[in-house]
């Protein structure tokens, strides 16, 4: 039962850390263009000489 005094605050801190990382990634445009890199690799012209 005493382990809950450790696990509950740790899990709450983990939730806040994941939320902060997600918020940072959304604020810095990490999810703006999800399909662009997939289409660019198909149109890449690597000509072998």
C-alpha atoms as a PDB file:
ATOM      1  CA  UNK A   1       0.000   0.000   0.000  1.00  0.00           C
ATOM      2  CA  UNK A   2       2.898   2.353   0.663  1.00  0.00           C
ATOM      3  CA  UNK A   3       4.063   1.951  -2.924  1.00  0.00           C
ATOM      4  CA  UNK A   4       1.012   3.921  -4.045  1.00  0.00           C
ATOM      5  CA  UNK A   5       2.458   7.008  -2.368  1.00  0.00           C
ATOM      6  CA  UNK A   6       5.303   6.728  -4.871  1.00  0.00           C
ATOM      7  CA  UNK A   7       3.518   5.439  -7.966  1.00  0.00           C
ATOM      8  CA  UNK A   8       0.628   7.906  -8.062  1.00  0.00           C
ATOM      9  CA  UNK A   9       2.809  11.063  -8.086  1.00  0.00           C
ATOM     10  CA  UNK A  10       5.174   9.450 -10.596  1.00  0.00           C
ATOM     11  CA  UNK A  11       2.318   8.596 -12.937  1.00  0.00           C
ATOM     12  CA  UNK A  12       0.889  12.114 -12.657  1.00  0.00           C
ATOM     13  CA  UNK A  13       4.317  13.572 -13.463  1.00  0.00           C
ATOM     14  CA  UNK A  14       4.628  11.221 -16.437  1.00  0.00           C
ATOM     15  CA  UNK A  15       1.251  12.351 -17.777  1.00  0.00           C
ATOM     16  CA  UNK A  16       2.309  15.994 -17.486  1.00  0.00           C
ATOM     17  CA  UNK A  17       5.626  15.262 -19.217  1.00  0.00           C
ATOM     18  CA  UNK A  18       3.925  13.514 -22.130  1.00  0.00           C
ATOM     19  CA  UNK A  19       1.375  16.327 -22.370  1.00  0.00           C
ATOM     20  CA  UNK A  20       4.113  18.961 -22.373  1.00  0.00           C
ATOM     21  CA  UNK A  21       6.064  17.096 -25.074  1.00  0.00           C
ATOM     22  CA  UNK A  22       2.943  16.817 -27.224  1.00  0.00           C
ATOM     23  CA  UNK A  23       2.080  20.485 -26.721  1.00  0.00           C
ATOM     24  CA  UNK A  24       5.632  21.505 -27.643  1.00  0.00           C
ATOM     25  CA  UNK A  25       5.571  19.410 -30.804  1.00  0.00           C
ATOM     26  CA  UNK A  26       2.229  20.868 -31.906  1.00  0.00           C
ATOM     27  CA  UNK A  27       3.399  24.410 -31.164  1.00  0.00           C
ATOM     28  CA  UNK A  28       6.594  23.942 -33.184  1.00  0.00           C
ATOM     29  CA  UNK A  29       4.855  22.556 -36.271  1.00  0.00           C
ATOM     30  CA  UNK A  30       5.876  18.921 -36.060  1.00  0.00           C
ATOM     31  CA  UNK A  31       2.442  17.789 -37.246  1.00  0.00           C
ATOM     32  CA  UNK A  32       1.849  20.409 -39.959  1.00  0.00           C
ATOM     33  CA  UNK A  33       2.661  18.365 -43.064  1.00  0.00           C
ATOM     34  CA  UNK A  34       2.484  14.626 -42.471  1.00  0.00           C
ATOM     35  CA  UNK A  35       2.156  13.542 -46.117  1.00  0.00           C
ATOM     36  CA  UNK A  36       4.694  15.865 -47.745  1.00  0.00           C
ATOM     37  CA  UNK A  37       7.844  13.812 -47.060  1.00  0.00           C
ATOM     38  CA  UNK A  38       6.126  10.638 -48.270  1.00  0.00           C
ATOM     39  CA  UNK A  39       5.267  12.265 -51.607  1.00  0.00           C
ATOM     40  CA  UNK A  40       8.657  13.945 -51.996  1.00  0.00           C
ATOM     41  CA  UNK A  41      10.532  10.652 -51.811  1.00  0.00           C
ATOM     42  CA  UNK A  42       8.499   9.334 -54.744  1.00  0.00           C
ATOM     43  CA  UNK A  43       9.314  12.320 -56.944  1.00  0.00           C
ATOM     44  CA  UNK A  44      13.014  12.410 -56.091  1.00  0.00           C
ATOM     45  CA  UNK A  45      15.165  12.299 -59.237  1.00  0.00           C
ATOM     46  CA  UNK A  46      18.230  10.177 -58.529  1.00  0.00           C
ATOM     47  CA  UNK A  47      19.667   9.620 -61.962  1.00  0.00           C
ATOM     48  CA  UNK A  48      22.541   7.169 -62.233  1.00  0.00           C
ATOM     49  CA  UNK A  49      25.227   8.263 -64.693  1.00  0.00           C
END
